[in-house]
N, C-alpha and C. Protein backbone atom coordinates (compact mmCIF):
# COMPACT_ATOMS: atom_id res chain seq x y z
N UNK A 1 -4.29 12.34 38.24
CA UNK A 1 -3.34 11.28 38.76
C UNK A 1 -2.33 11.73 39.58
N UNK A 2 -1.97 10.41 40.26
CA UNK A 2 -0.75 10.66 41.60
C UNK A 2 0.50 10.86 40.57
N UNK A 3 1.22 11.24 41.59
CA UNK A 3 2.45 10.78 41.20
C UNK A 3 2.94 9.52 41.69
N UNK A 4 2.88 8.81 42.58
CA UNK A 4 2.82 7.76 42.90
C UNK A 4 2.06 6.82 42.28
N UNK A 5 0.93 7.23 41.40
CA UNK A 5 0.76 6.27 40.51
C UNK A 5 1.08 6.12 39.08
N UNK A 6 1.42 7.15 38.94
CA UNK A 6 2.28 7.25 37.57
C UNK A 6 3.57 6.58 37.54
N UNK A 7 4.53 6.73 38.52
CA UNK A 7 5.61 6.26 38.64
C UNK A 7 5.40 4.56 38.82
N UNK A 8 3.94 3.62 39.03
CA UNK A 8 3.79 2.92 38.92
C UNK A 8 2.96 2.29 37.97
N UNK A 9 2.49 3.13 37.21
CA UNK A 9 1.92 2.62 36.29
C UNK A 9 2.96 2.56 34.51
N UNK A 10 2.61 1.83 33.42
CA UNK A 10 3.68 1.73 32.91
C UNK A 10 2.67 2.97 31.70
N UNK A 11 4.18 3.27 31.17
CA UNK A 11 4.09 4.94 30.41
C UNK A 11 3.07 4.81 28.95
N UNK A 12 1.98 5.20 29.26
CA UNK A 12 1.27 4.99 27.10
C UNK A 12 2.86 5.12 26.34
N UNK A 13 2.93 4.18 25.03
CA UNK A 13 3.20 4.92 23.82
C UNK A 13 2.86 5.09 22.97
N UNK A 14 3.69 6.56 22.84
CA UNK A 14 3.56 7.10 21.54
C UNK A 14 3.90 6.93 20.38
N UNK A 15 3.26 6.86 19.48
CA UNK A 15 4.49 6.73 18.74
C UNK A 15 4.23 7.84 17.48
N UNK A 16 4.76 9.16 16.75
CA UNK A 16 4.90 10.12 15.74
C UNK A 16 4.71 10.15 13.97
N UNK A 17 4.52 10.49 13.80
CA UNK A 17 3.54 10.88 12.30
C UNK A 17 4.49 11.73 11.64
N UNK A 18 5.45 12.28 11.29
CA UNK A 18 5.79 13.63 10.23
C UNK A 18 6.96 13.87 9.82
N UNK A 19 6.45 14.07 8.46
CA UNK A 19 7.33 14.49 7.55
C UNK A 19 9.05 15.01 7.84
N UNK A 20 8.77 15.95 8.76
CA UNK A 20 10.31 16.55 8.77
C UNK A 20 11.50 16.11 10.67
N UNK A 21 12.22 16.30 10.41
CA UNK A 21 13.31 14.72 11.50
C UNK A 21 13.04 16.34 12.51
N UNK A 22 13.05 17.36 12.60
CA UNK A 22 13.76 18.16 13.84
C UNK A 22 12.27 18.39 14.75
N UNK A 23 11.16 18.34 13.31
CA UNK A 23 10.31 18.48 14.84
C UNK A 23 9.63 17.09 15.45
N UNK A 24 10.16 15.73 14.77
CA UNK A 24 9.55 14.83 15.23
C UNK A 24 11.05 14.32 16.95
N UNK A 25 12.65 15.52 16.73
CA UNK A 25 12.80 15.26 17.82
C UNK A 25 12.58 15.97 19.28
N UNK A 26 12.19 17.48 18.60
CA UNK A 26 11.95 17.92 19.23
C UNK A 26 10.34 17.70 20.10
N UNK A 27 9.32 16.91 19.42
CA UNK A 27 8.44 16.34 20.06
C UNK A 27 9.09 15.41 21.11
N UNK A 28 9.55 14.19 20.52
CA UNK A 28 10.77 13.43 21.66
C UNK A 28 11.05 13.91 22.72
N UNK A 29 11.40 14.63 22.71
CA UNK A 29 12.03 15.98 24.60
C UNK A 29 10.93 15.86 24.37
N UNK A 30 9.89 16.27 24.22
CA UNK A 30 8.90 17.45 25.00
C UNK A 30 8.20 15.84 25.75
N UNK A 31 7.86 15.38 24.54
CA UNK A 31 6.95 13.88 25.08
C UNK A 31 7.82 12.84 26.32
N UNK A 32 8.63 12.77 26.35
CA UNK A 32 9.74 12.14 27.25
C UNK A 32 9.59 12.44 28.44
N UNK A 33 9.81 13.96 28.65
CA UNK A 33 9.94 14.50 30.15
C UNK A 33 8.82 13.97 30.79
N UNK A 34 7.81 13.23 30.05
CA UNK A 34 7.02 13.57 30.69
C UNK A 34 6.79 11.68 31.67
N UNK A 35 6.41 11.24 32.80
CA UNK A 35 6.89 10.04 33.19
C UNK A 35 6.22 8.85 32.55
N UNK A 36 4.41 8.96 32.43
CA UNK A 36 3.10 9.01 32.38
C UNK A 36 2.91 8.89 30.63
N UNK A 37 4.57 9.20 29.47
CA UNK A 37 4.41 9.05 28.63
C UNK A 37 5.33 8.27 28.01
N UNK A 38 5.38 8.17 26.91
CA UNK A 38 6.62 7.36 25.97
C UNK A 38 7.05 7.58 24.42
N UNK A 39 7.35 7.93 23.83
CA UNK A 39 8.09 8.45 22.41
C UNK A 39 8.04 6.24 22.18
N UNK A 40 7.32 5.55 21.29
CA UNK A 40 8.31 4.60 20.88
C UNK A 40 8.72 4.26 19.68
N UNK A 41 8.23 5.03 18.76
CA UNK A 41 8.26 4.79 17.21
C UNK A 41 8.06 6.58 17.01
N UNK A 42 9.17 6.46 15.85
CA UNK A 42 8.62 7.66 15.08
C UNK A 42 8.94 7.30 13.54
N UNK A 43 8.02 8.13 12.18
CA UNK A 43 7.98 7.51 11.20
C UNK A 43 7.43 9.25 10.17
N UNK A 44 8.17 9.25 8.94
CA UNK A 44 7.80 9.84 8.75
C UNK A 44 6.65 10.30 7.03
N UNK A 45 6.58 8.93 7.22
CA UNK A 45 5.27 8.42 5.98
C UNK A 45 3.88 7.40 6.28
N UNK A 46 2.76 7.61 5.23
CA UNK A 46 2.02 6.56 5.85
C UNK A 46 2.43 5.23 6.14
N UNK A 47 3.65 4.88 4.83
CA UNK A 47 4.07 3.43 4.21
C UNK A 47 4.51 2.77 6.53
N UNK A 48 5.62 3.74 6.36
CA UNK A 48 6.16 3.37 7.85
C UNK A 48 5.82 3.62 8.50
N UNK A 49 4.05 4.68 9.16
CA UNK A 49 3.71 4.75 10.36
C UNK A 49 2.85 3.43 10.86
N UNK A 50 2.69 2.51 9.26
CA UNK A 50 1.49 1.64 9.43
C UNK A 50 2.10 0.30 10.33
N UNK A 51 4.04 0.61 9.52
CA UNK A 51 4.69 -0.56 9.39
C UNK A 51 5.57 -0.54 11.37
N UNK A 52 4.86 0.28 11.92
CA UNK A 52 5.87 1.01 12.93
C UNK A 52 4.31 0.57 14.03
N UNK A 53 3.47 0.91 13.23
CA UNK A 53 2.20 0.35 14.07
C UNK A 53 2.17 -0.24 14.89
N UNK A 54 2.27 -1.64 13.28
CA UNK A 54 2.15 -3.28 13.31
C UNK A 54 3.50 -3.54 14.51
N UNK A 55 5.00 -3.05 14.46
CA UNK A 55 6.24 -3.37 15.06
C UNK A 55 6.17 -3.07 16.71
N UNK A 56 5.28 -1.89 17.10
CA UNK A 56 5.55 -1.02 18.17
C UNK A 56 4.54 -1.28 19.69
N UNK A 57 3.21 -1.07 18.50
CA UNK A 57 1.97 -1.54 19.50
C UNK A 57 1.32 -0.27 19.81
N UNK A 58 1.54 0.61 19.72
CA UNK A 58 1.14 1.96 20.30
C UNK A 58 -0.01 2.44 20.95
N UNK A 59 -0.46 3.26 22.00
CA UNK A 59 -1.27 2.76 22.37
C UNK A 59 -1.87 4.62 21.70
N UNK A 60 -1.38 5.18 21.47
CA UNK A 60 -1.27 6.33 20.31
C UNK A 60 -0.52 7.58 19.22
N UNK A 61 -1.39 7.56 18.28
CA UNK A 61 0.17 7.76 16.91
C UNK A 61 -0.80 9.47 16.54
N UNK A 62 0.50 10.15 16.95
CA UNK A 62 0.34 11.73 17.05
C UNK A 62 0.50 12.18 15.64
N UNK A 63 -0.64 12.62 14.78
CA UNK A 63 -0.25 12.60 13.16
C UNK A 63 0.25 13.67 12.44
N UNK A 64 0.85 13.93 11.59
CA UNK A 64 1.08 15.71 10.49
C UNK A 64 0.15 15.77 9.60
N UNK A 65 -0.38 16.26 8.79
CA UNK A 65 -1.54 16.09 7.55
C UNK A 65 -0.73 16.39 6.58
N UNK A 66 0.72 15.99 6.71
CA UNK A 66 1.39 16.35 5.20
C UNK A 66 2.64 15.21 5.98
N UNK A 67 2.42 14.15 5.03
CA UNK A 67 3.58 13.66 5.24
C UNK A 67 4.21 12.83 3.70
N UNK A 68 5.26 12.39 3.93
CA UNK A 68 6.13 12.09 2.58
C UNK A 68 5.30 11.24 1.26
N UNK A 69 4.76 10.21 1.56
CA UNK A 69 4.09 9.38 0.76
C UNK A 69 2.24 9.19 0.30
N UNK A 70 1.97 9.90 1.17
CA UNK A 70 0.63 10.14 1.54
C UNK A 70 -0.26 11.29 2.19
N UNK A 71 -1.76 11.63 2.21
CA UNK A 71 -1.92 12.50 3.16
C UNK A 71 -3.06 12.37 4.51
N UNK A 72 -2.09 12.64 5.18
CA UNK A 72 -2.74 11.69 6.92
C UNK A 72 -3.74 12.36 7.04
N UNK A 73 -4.44 12.29 6.42
CA UNK A 73 -6.25 12.00 6.23
C UNK A 73 -6.54 10.53 5.55
N UNK A 74 -6.66 10.35 4.68
CA UNK A 74 -5.41 8.79 3.94
C UNK A 74 -5.23 7.98 5.52
N UNK A 75 -4.13 7.97 5.78
CA UNK A 75 -3.40 7.45 7.27
C UNK A 75 -4.31 7.16 7.99
N UNK A 76 -5.08 8.09 8.86
CA UNK A 76 -5.93 8.00 9.27
C UNK A 76 -7.64 7.02 9.14
N UNK A 77 -8.14 7.00 8.10
CA UNK A 77 -8.36 6.08 7.28
C UNK A 77 -7.96 4.11 7.39
N UNK A 78 -6.67 4.21 6.86
CA UNK A 78 -6.29 2.98 6.44
C UNK A 78 -5.82 2.49 8.10
N UNK A 79 -5.54 3.41 9.06
CA UNK A 79 -5.87 3.20 10.72
C UNK A 79 -6.72 2.33 11.14
N UNK A 80 -7.52 2.99 10.78
CA UNK A 80 -8.76 2.95 11.60
C UNK A 80 -9.62 1.52 10.92
N UNK A 81 -9.18 1.42 9.80
CA UNK A 81 -9.73 0.10 9.15
C UNK A 81 -8.70 -1.16 9.46
N UNK A 82 -7.28 -0.77 9.65
CA UNK A 82 -6.80 -1.87 10.29
C UNK A 82 -6.25 -1.96 11.93
N UNK A 83 -6.36 -0.92 12.52
CA UNK A 83 -6.17 -0.68 13.79
C UNK A 83 -7.27 -0.29 14.69
N UNK A 84 -8.61 -0.63 14.37
CA UNK A 84 -9.30 0.14 14.96
C UNK A 84 -9.09 0.63 16.56
N UNK A 85 -8.77 -0.13 17.35
CA UNK A 85 -8.48 0.24 18.81
C UNK A 85 -7.42 1.07 18.96
N UNK A 86 -6.29 1.56 17.92
CA UNK A 86 -5.82 2.71 17.81
C UNK A 86 -5.89 3.91 17.95
N UNK A 87 -6.02 5.12 18.79
CA UNK A 87 -6.03 5.73 18.93
C UNK A 87 -5.50 7.16 18.11
N UNK A 88 -5.56 7.99 17.68
CA UNK A 88 -4.51 9.04 16.97
C UNK A 88 -5.37 10.74 17.28
N UNK A 89 -4.22 11.19 17.01
CA UNK A 89 -5.08 13.38 17.29
C UNK A 89 -3.47 12.97 15.94
N UNK A 90 -4.41 14.30 14.85
CA UNK A 90 -3.74 15.20 14.45
C UNK A 90 -2.87 16.44 14.94
N UNK A 91 -1.08 16.36 14.90
CA UNK A 91 -0.67 17.71 15.16
C UNK A 91 -0.56 18.40 14.30
N UNK A 92 -1.41 19.51 13.44
CA UNK A 92 -0.55 19.78 12.21
C UNK A 92 -0.50 21.27 12.25
N UNK A 93 0.19 21.85 10.93
CA UNK A 93 -0.18 23.59 10.76
C UNK A 93 -1.82 23.59 10.03
N UNK A 94 -2.26 22.71 9.45
CA UNK A 94 -3.39 22.85 8.13
C UNK A 94 -4.83 23.69 9.21
N UNK A 95 -5.04 24.03 8.67
CA UNK A 95 -5.90 24.93 9.02
C UNK A 95 -7.30 24.48 9.85
N UNK A 96 -7.55 24.64 11.14
CA UNK A 96 -8.15 23.89 11.75
C UNK A 96 -9.58 24.00 11.31
N UNK A 97 -10.08 25.51 11.46
CA UNK A 97 -11.15 25.06 10.84
C UNK A 97 -12.05 24.68 9.97
N UNK A 98 -11.07 24.12 9.22
CA UNK A 98 -11.01 22.93 7.65
C UNK A 98 -11.43 21.98 7.88
N UNK A 99 -10.12 21.87 8.19
CA UNK A 99 -9.68 19.51 9.08
C UNK A 99 -9.75 19.09 10.22
N UNK A 100 -10.74 19.66 10.90
CA UNK A 100 -10.66 19.21 12.69
C UNK A 100 -11.79 17.97 11.96
N UNK A 101 -13.15 18.94 11.81
CA UNK A 101 -14.08 17.78 11.19
C UNK A 101 -13.41 16.52 10.55
N UNK A 102 -13.34 17.11 9.38
CA UNK A 102 -12.93 16.10 8.37
C UNK A 102 -11.84 14.35 8.88
N UNK A 103 -11.01 15.32 9.91
CA UNK A 103 -10.52 14.60 10.92
C UNK A 103 -10.49 13.92 11.49
N UNK A 104 -11.63 14.23 12.34
CA UNK A 104 -13.25 13.53 13.02
C UNK A 104 -13.53 12.56 12.47
N UNK A 105 -13.76 12.87 11.25
CA UNK A 105 -14.53 11.68 10.40
C UNK A 105 -14.33 11.18 9.75
N UNK A 106 -12.83 11.05 9.50
CA UNK A 106 -11.82 9.77 8.97
C UNK A 106 -11.40 9.02 10.00
N UNK A 107 -11.76 9.12 11.79
CA UNK A 107 -11.30 8.45 12.28
C UNK A 107 -10.38 8.82 13.91
N UNK A 108 -10.74 10.46 13.62
CA UNK A 108 -9.38 10.52 14.34
C UNK A 108 -9.95 10.81 15.57
N UNK A 109 -8.99 10.87 17.03
CA UNK A 109 -10.11 11.39 17.88
C UNK A 109 -9.41 13.36 18.48
N UNK A 110 -8.68 14.18 17.82
CA UNK A 110 -8.49 15.43 18.19
C UNK A 110 -7.63 15.78 17.06
N UNK A 111 -7.19 17.16 17.29
CA UNK A 111 -7.33 18.24 16.17
C UNK A 111 -6.01 18.86 16.65
N UNK A 112 -4.85 19.44 16.77
CA UNK A 112 -4.34 20.85 17.93
C UNK A 112 -2.94 20.83 16.19
N UNK A 113 -3.44 22.68 16.16
CA UNK A 113 -2.68 23.46 15.73
C UNK A 113 -1.37 23.08 15.82
N UNK A 114 -0.03 23.62 15.44
CA UNK A 114 1.47 23.57 15.40
C UNK A 114 1.65 24.75 16.31
N UNK A 115 0.57 25.54 16.28
CA UNK A 115 1.03 26.95 16.39
C UNK A 115 0.60 27.16 18.17
N UNK A 116 -0.29 25.83 18.58
CA UNK A 116 -0.75 25.81 20.19
C UNK A 116 0.44 25.66 21.10
N UNK A 117 0.56 26.47 22.00
CA UNK A 117 2.16 26.14 23.16
C UNK A 117 1.64 24.36 23.00
N UNK A 118 2.64 24.11 23.60
CA UNK A 118 3.90 23.09 23.53
C UNK A 118 2.43 22.08 24.75
N UNK A 119 2.71 22.67 25.96
CA UNK A 119 2.10 22.12 27.05
C UNK A 119 0.47 22.02 26.26
N UNK A 120 -0.04 22.74 25.37
CA UNK A 120 -0.93 21.64 24.95
C UNK A 120 -1.39 20.78 24.51
N UNK A 121 -0.21 20.65 23.61
CA UNK A 121 0.24 19.54 23.31
C UNK A 121 -0.42 18.00 24.19
N UNK A 122 0.37 17.81 24.80
CA UNK A 122 0.09 17.28 26.29
C UNK A 122 -0.74 17.06 27.12
N UNK A 123 -1.70 18.04 27.06
CA UNK A 123 -3.00 17.86 27.35
C UNK A 123 -3.63 17.13 26.48
N UNK A 124 -3.74 17.29 25.31
CA UNK A 124 -4.60 17.28 23.78
C UNK A 124 -4.17 15.75 24.32
N UNK A 125 -2.68 14.82 24.38
CA UNK A 125 -2.10 13.65 24.38
C UNK A 125 -2.81 13.08 25.47
N UNK A 126 -3.05 13.11 26.64
CA UNK A 126 -3.82 12.56 27.83
C UNK A 126 -5.35 12.75 27.60
N UNK A 127 -5.87 13.78 27.51
CA UNK A 127 -7.16 13.48 27.02
C UNK A 127 -7.69 12.65 26.16
N UNK A 128 -6.69 12.39 25.01
CA UNK A 128 -7.41 11.15 23.65
C UNK A 128 -7.10 9.96 24.41
N UNK A 129 -5.79 9.93 25.29
CA UNK A 129 -5.32 8.65 26.12
C UNK A 129 -6.61 7.79 26.69
N UNK A 130 -7.50 9.08 27.04
CA UNK A 130 -8.47 8.47 28.23
C UNK A 130 -9.46 8.78 27.57
N UNK A 131 -9.41 8.29 26.37
CA UNK A 131 -11.42 8.06 25.82
C UNK A 131 -11.66 9.70 25.42
N UNK A 132 -11.28 10.90 25.49
CA UNK A 132 -12.24 11.52 25.42
C UNK A 132 -11.65 12.81 23.69
N UNK A 133 -12.42 13.27 22.57
CA UNK A 133 -11.80 13.85 21.83
C UNK A 133 -11.92 15.66 22.50
N UNK A 134 -10.46 15.23 21.66
CA UNK A 134 -10.00 17.00 21.86
C UNK A 134 -9.81 18.10 20.49
N UNK A 135 -10.29 18.99 20.60
CA UNK A 135 -10.48 19.92 19.12
C UNK A 135 -10.54 21.15 20.71
N UNK A 136 -10.52 22.68 20.25
CA UNK A 136 -9.53 23.54 20.14
C UNK A 136 -11.13 24.65 20.42
N UNK A 137 -11.35 25.08 21.30
CA UNK A 137 -12.76 26.07 21.80
C UNK A 137 -13.17 26.46 20.35
N UNK A 138 -11.90 27.12 19.27
CA UNK A 138 -12.98 28.00 18.24
C UNK A 138 -12.88 26.35 17.79
N UNK A 139 -12.04 25.94 17.34
CA UNK A 139 -13.18 24.73 15.98
C UNK A 139 -14.04 23.74 17.15
N UNK A 140 -14.76 23.95 18.36
CA UNK A 140 -15.46 23.42 18.72
C UNK A 140 -16.78 24.33 18.26
N UNK A 141 -16.38 25.80 18.39
CA UNK A 141 -17.30 26.35 18.02
C UNK A 141 -18.18 26.83 16.53
N UNK A 142 -17.16 26.61 15.56
CA UNK A 142 -17.56 26.37 14.07
C UNK A 142 -17.87 24.60 14.07
N UNK A 143 -17.65 24.12 14.85
CA UNK A 143 -18.65 22.40 13.91
C UNK A 143 -19.96 22.98 14.66
N UNK A 144 -19.98 23.78 15.89
CA UNK A 144 -21.86 23.78 16.48
C UNK A 144 -22.48 24.44 15.04
N UNK A 145 -21.84 25.81 14.59
CA UNK A 145 -21.86 26.48 13.68
C UNK A 145 -22.13 26.19 12.74
N UNK A 146 -20.98 25.38 12.21
CA UNK A 146 -21.61 24.71 10.90
C UNK A 146 -23.41 23.70 10.64
N UNK A 147 -23.20 23.03 12.64
CA UNK A 147 -24.54 22.38 12.01
C UNK A 147 -25.68 23.43 12.53
N UNK A 148 -25.52 24.61 13.16
CA UNK A 148 -26.54 25.15 13.18
C UNK A 148 -26.65 25.85 11.55
N UNK A 149 -25.88 25.81 10.54
CA UNK A 149 -26.63 26.22 9.88
C UNK A 149 -25.99 28.50 9.66
N UNK A 150 -24.63 28.26 11.05
CA UNK A 150 -24.08 29.77 10.70
C UNK A 150 -23.44 30.38 10.30
N UNK A 151 -22.24 29.60 9.76
CA UNK A 151 -21.22 29.34 9.30
C UNK A 151 -20.97 30.34 7.98
N UNK A 152 -19.76 31.12 8.34
CA UNK A 152 -19.63 32.67 7.64
C UNK A 152 -19.30 32.31 6.19
N UNK A 153 -20.01 32.33 5.40
CA UNK A 153 -19.19 32.06 3.37
C UNK A 153 -18.00 32.88 3.14
N UNK A 154 -16.68 32.34 3.14
CA UNK A 154 -15.91 33.17 2.58
C UNK A 154 -15.21 31.89 1.62
N UNK A 155 -14.25 32.40 1.34
CA UNK A 155 -12.97 31.41 0.31
C UNK A 155 -12.54 30.27 1.29
N UNK A 156 -12.34 30.23 2.94
CA UNK A 156 -12.18 29.29 3.23
C UNK A 156 -13.31 28.38 3.82
N UNK A 157 -14.21 28.77 4.01
CA UNK A 157 -15.71 27.47 4.13
C UNK A 157 -15.91 27.20 2.58
N UNK A 158 -15.96 27.98 1.70
CA UNK A 158 -16.26 27.00 0.64
C UNK A 158 -15.48 26.45 -0.06
N UNK A 159 -14.77 25.63 0.90
CA UNK A 159 -13.91 25.24 0.54
C UNK A 159 -14.82 23.59 1.08
N UNK A 160 -15.37 23.77 2.48
CA UNK A 160 -16.27 22.53 2.87
C UNK A 160 -17.04 21.79 1.87
N UNK A 161 -17.17 22.00 0.60
CA UNK A 161 -18.32 21.29 -0.14
C UNK A 161 -17.08 20.10 -1.28
N UNK A 162 -16.34 21.04 -0.76
CA UNK A 162 -15.65 19.39 -1.05
C UNK A 162 -15.51 17.95 -0.57
N UNK A 163 -14.79 17.08 -1.42
CA UNK A 163 -14.66 15.68 -0.16
C UNK A 163 -13.17 15.71 0.27
N UNK A 164 -13.02 14.78 0.27
CA UNK A 164 -11.19 15.10 1.28
C UNK A 164 -10.01 15.33 0.55
N UNK A 165 -10.63 14.28 -0.83
CA UNK A 165 -9.53 13.94 -1.27
C UNK A 165 -9.44 15.37 -2.56
N UNK A 166 -10.90 15.69 -3.26
CA UNK A 166 -10.77 17.06 -3.78
C UNK A 166 -10.22 18.58 -2.76
N UNK A 167 -10.73 18.35 -1.53
CA UNK A 167 -9.41 19.53 -1.11
C UNK A 167 -8.21 19.43 -0.69
N UNK A 168 -7.80 18.03 -1.26
CA UNK A 168 -6.11 17.96 -0.81
C UNK A 168 -5.83 17.50 -2.69
N UNK A 169 -6.80 17.93 -3.15
CA UNK A 169 -5.84 18.38 -4.76
C UNK A 169 -5.56 19.63 -4.72
N UNK A 170 -7.38 20.42 -4.35
CA UNK A 170 -7.56 22.24 -4.08
C UNK A 170 -5.73 22.95 -3.64
N UNK A 171 -5.67 22.12 -2.78
CA UNK A 171 -4.88 23.17 -1.59
C UNK A 171 -3.97 23.05 -2.82
N UNK A 172 -3.51 21.27 -3.08
CA UNK A 172 -1.95 20.86 -3.74
C UNK A 172 -1.98 22.59 -5.40
N UNK A 173 -3.22 22.16 -5.94
CA UNK A 173 -2.70 23.48 -6.91
C UNK A 173 -2.71 23.96 -6.57
N UNK A 174 -2.96 25.46 -5.15
CA UNK A 174 -2.83 26.01 -4.63
C UNK A 174 -1.32 26.46 -4.47
N UNK A 175 -0.51 25.27 -4.67
CA UNK A 175 0.54 25.27 -3.37
C UNK A 175 1.61 24.76 -4.91
N UNK A 176 0.77 25.50 -6.10
CA UNK A 176 1.61 25.34 -7.51
C UNK A 176 2.06 24.01 -7.77
N UNK A 177 1.49 23.67 -7.91
CA UNK A 177 1.78 22.34 -8.68
C UNK A 177 1.25 21.72 -9.32
N UNK A 178 1.64 20.45 -9.96
CA UNK A 178 1.37 19.99 -11.62
C UNK A 178 0.19 19.06 -11.25
N UNK A 179 -0.64 18.47 -12.10
CA UNK A 179 -1.05 17.32 -12.02
C UNK A 179 -0.57 16.26 -12.06
N UNK A 180 0.83 16.83 -12.47
CA UNK A 180 1.69 15.33 -12.22
C UNK A 180 2.58 14.71 -11.20
N UNK A 181 2.59 16.21 -10.78
CA UNK A 181 2.77 16.14 -9.45
C UNK A 181 1.94 16.18 -7.78
N UNK A 182 1.05 16.50 -8.42
CA UNK A 182 -0.27 15.76 -7.38
C UNK A 182 -0.40 14.33 -8.02
N UNK A 183 -0.11 14.26 -9.10
CA UNK A 183 -0.60 12.15 -8.59
C UNK A 183 0.82 11.36 -9.14
N UNK A 184 1.69 12.02 -8.33
CA UNK A 184 2.87 10.99 -7.76
C UNK A 184 2.58 11.06 -6.50
N UNK A 185 1.90 12.23 -6.38
CA UNK A 185 2.72 12.37 -4.80
C UNK A 185 1.53 11.60 -4.05
N UNK A 186 -0.17 11.92 -4.51
CA UNK A 186 -1.05 11.01 -3.40
C UNK A 186 -1.17 9.25 -4.47
N UNK A 187 0.05 9.39 -5.12
CA UNK A 187 0.02 7.56 -5.87
C UNK A 187 -1.78 7.38 -6.67
N UNK A 188 -1.57 7.79 -7.24
CA UNK A 188 -2.53 8.04 -8.74
C UNK A 188 -2.29 8.48 -9.88
N UNK A 189 -3.54 8.44 -10.97
CA UNK A 189 -3.45 8.25 -12.30
C UNK A 189 -3.25 9.87 -12.62
N UNK A 190 -2.82 10.20 -13.55
CA UNK A 190 -3.03 11.48 -14.31
C UNK A 190 -4.04 11.78 -14.65
N UNK A 191 -4.43 11.01 -15.09
CA UNK A 191 -6.29 10.69 -15.42
C UNK A 191 -7.30 11.36 -14.32
N UNK A 192 -6.99 10.59 -12.99
CA UNK A 192 -7.72 10.28 -12.30
C UNK A 192 -7.97 12.81 -11.41
N UNK A 193 -6.24 12.90 -11.86
CA UNK A 193 -6.15 13.86 -10.79
C UNK A 193 -6.91 15.28 -11.96
N UNK A 194 -7.11 14.76 -12.67
CA UNK A 194 -7.74 15.52 -14.36
C UNK A 194 -9.13 15.83 -14.13
N UNK A 195 -9.76 14.50 -13.22
CA UNK A 195 -11.03 14.29 -13.16
C UNK A 195 -11.83 15.25 -11.98
N UNK A 196 -10.21 14.85 -11.29
CA UNK A 196 -11.04 16.21 -9.33
C UNK A 196 -10.51 16.81 -9.55
N UNK A 197 -9.91 18.07 -10.84
CA UNK A 197 -10.02 19.95 -11.04
C UNK A 197 -11.23 19.50 -11.84
N UNK A 198 -11.70 18.67 -12.73
CA UNK A 198 -13.22 19.06 -13.07
C UNK A 198 -14.38 19.12 -12.28
N UNK A 199 -14.51 18.78 -11.42
CA UNK A 199 -15.25 18.41 -10.51
C UNK A 199 -15.13 19.72 -9.66
N UNK A 200 -13.77 19.81 -9.76
CA UNK A 200 -14.02 21.76 -8.67
C UNK A 200 -14.41 22.15 -9.27
N UNK A 201 -13.45 21.98 -10.14
CA UNK A 201 -14.34 23.03 -10.99
C UNK A 201 -16.02 23.54 -11.25
N UNK A 202 -16.06 22.10 -11.30
CA UNK A 202 -17.82 22.32 -11.40
C UNK A 202 -18.93 22.14 -10.35
N UNK A 203 -18.09 22.06 -9.09
CA UNK A 203 -18.64 23.11 -7.41
C UNK A 203 -18.46 23.87 -6.87
N UNK A 204 -17.75 25.15 -7.71
CA UNK A 204 -17.34 26.55 -7.48
C UNK A 204 -17.59 27.47 -8.52
N UNK A 205 -18.12 26.22 -9.56
CA UNK A 205 -18.86 26.98 -11.23
C UNK A 205 -17.67 27.85 -11.80
N UNK A 206 -16.66 27.25 -12.02
CA UNK A 206 -15.25 28.33 -12.40
C UNK A 206 -15.00 27.23 -14.36
N UNK A 207 -14.65 28.66 -14.78
CA UNK A 207 -15.24 28.55 -16.63
C UNK A 207 -14.14 27.67 -17.53
N UNK A 208 -12.87 27.65 -16.30
CA UNK A 208 -11.53 26.19 -16.63
C UNK A 208 -9.91 27.00 -16.52
N UNK A 209 -9.50 26.12 -16.21
CA UNK A 209 -8.42 25.81 -15.95
C UNK A 209 -7.66 27.15 -15.11
N UNK A 210 -7.31 27.85 -15.88
CA UNK A 210 -6.99 29.00 -15.23
C UNK A 210 -7.80 29.78 -13.89
N UNK A 211 -9.02 29.40 -13.93
CA UNK A 211 -9.49 30.26 -12.60
C UNK A 211 -9.76 29.84 -11.08
N UNK A 212 -9.46 28.34 -11.54
CA UNK A 212 -8.77 26.79 -10.85
C UNK A 212 -8.26 27.45 -9.96
N UNK A 213 -6.45 27.76 -11.00
CA UNK A 213 -5.85 28.27 -10.47
C UNK A 213 -6.18 29.27 -10.27
N UNK A 214 -6.49 30.80 -10.33
CA UNK A 214 -6.79 31.42 -9.86
C UNK A 214 -7.34 31.49 -8.05
N UNK A 215 -8.70 30.66 -7.64
CA UNK A 215 -9.24 30.20 -7.27
C UNK A 215 -8.24 29.50 -5.64
N UNK A 216 -7.67 28.89 -6.28
CA UNK A 216 -7.09 27.77 -5.35
C UNK A 216 -5.63 28.52 -4.88
N UNK A 217 -5.54 29.36 -5.35
CA UNK A 217 -4.31 30.34 -5.25
C UNK A 217 -4.01 31.10 -4.08
N UNK A 218 -5.77 31.27 -4.54
CA UNK A 218 -6.26 32.90 -3.37
C UNK A 218 -7.16 31.70 -2.51
N UNK A 219 -7.06 30.81 -2.23
CA UNK A 219 -7.88 30.47 -1.64
C UNK A 219 -6.51 30.31 -0.05
N UNK A 220 -5.43 29.42 -1.08
CA UNK A 220 -4.09 28.91 -0.03
C UNK A 220 -3.60 30.37 0.64
N UNK A 221 -3.72 31.15 -0.15
CA UNK A 221 -2.53 32.65 1.16
C UNK A 221 -4.04 33.06 1.68
N UNK A 222 -5.08 33.29 1.77
CA UNK A 222 -6.15 33.02 2.92
C UNK A 222 -6.20 32.28 3.89
N UNK A 223 -5.81 31.19 3.86
CA UNK A 223 -5.44 30.14 4.91
C UNK A 223 -4.30 30.75 5.57
N UNK A 224 -3.29 31.45 5.03
CA UNK A 224 -1.93 31.34 5.60
C UNK A 224 -2.14 32.86 6.09
N UNK A 225 -2.84 34.05 6.31
CA UNK A 225 -2.96 35.35 7.02
C UNK A 225 -3.69 34.88 8.28
């Protein structure tokens, strides 16, 4: 796009959804430097994001997976149902090799890790606005290998057998959260979380809660390396 066209065209409206105010402030400054992009609103939770979407009518929502009152995957699914025309891009610290496929399946149009250079975020935003899917080269290779059946089996890949909700619970267990804390964060009953824990134990062939906690802790620790 030429400079003349950018000046004459209406900037694309971007909504930022992240639970950290400083991250939103930094992203707003970065995005608003671009003449063809404009941050139209911010939200720190899923409920606030849905309200902001209705109020500001953005062209794209940039979403973190960790939110105040929900998980980004759930928000993406809600947006897909309530605002099917809105494009979404995940910008998160979560493990791309595990979450990229899940967010695309949930309805997102791309995934970029927060460790990427900021210029990559602008590139990703423009590609998604143009109707394309954005994934890093590593994530694309991972998806292709998974389809071909060549994905390496380790603790990280082991979790691919879990549903989206089971994965959320498993990760929160690995971060030391109790069943009550997980239930309160996800807005479900304690019995529901205990059911998820039982399903996770069964899928991993674990014998008790202690083994589940150890497995979850090891998995989260491995992701941080």
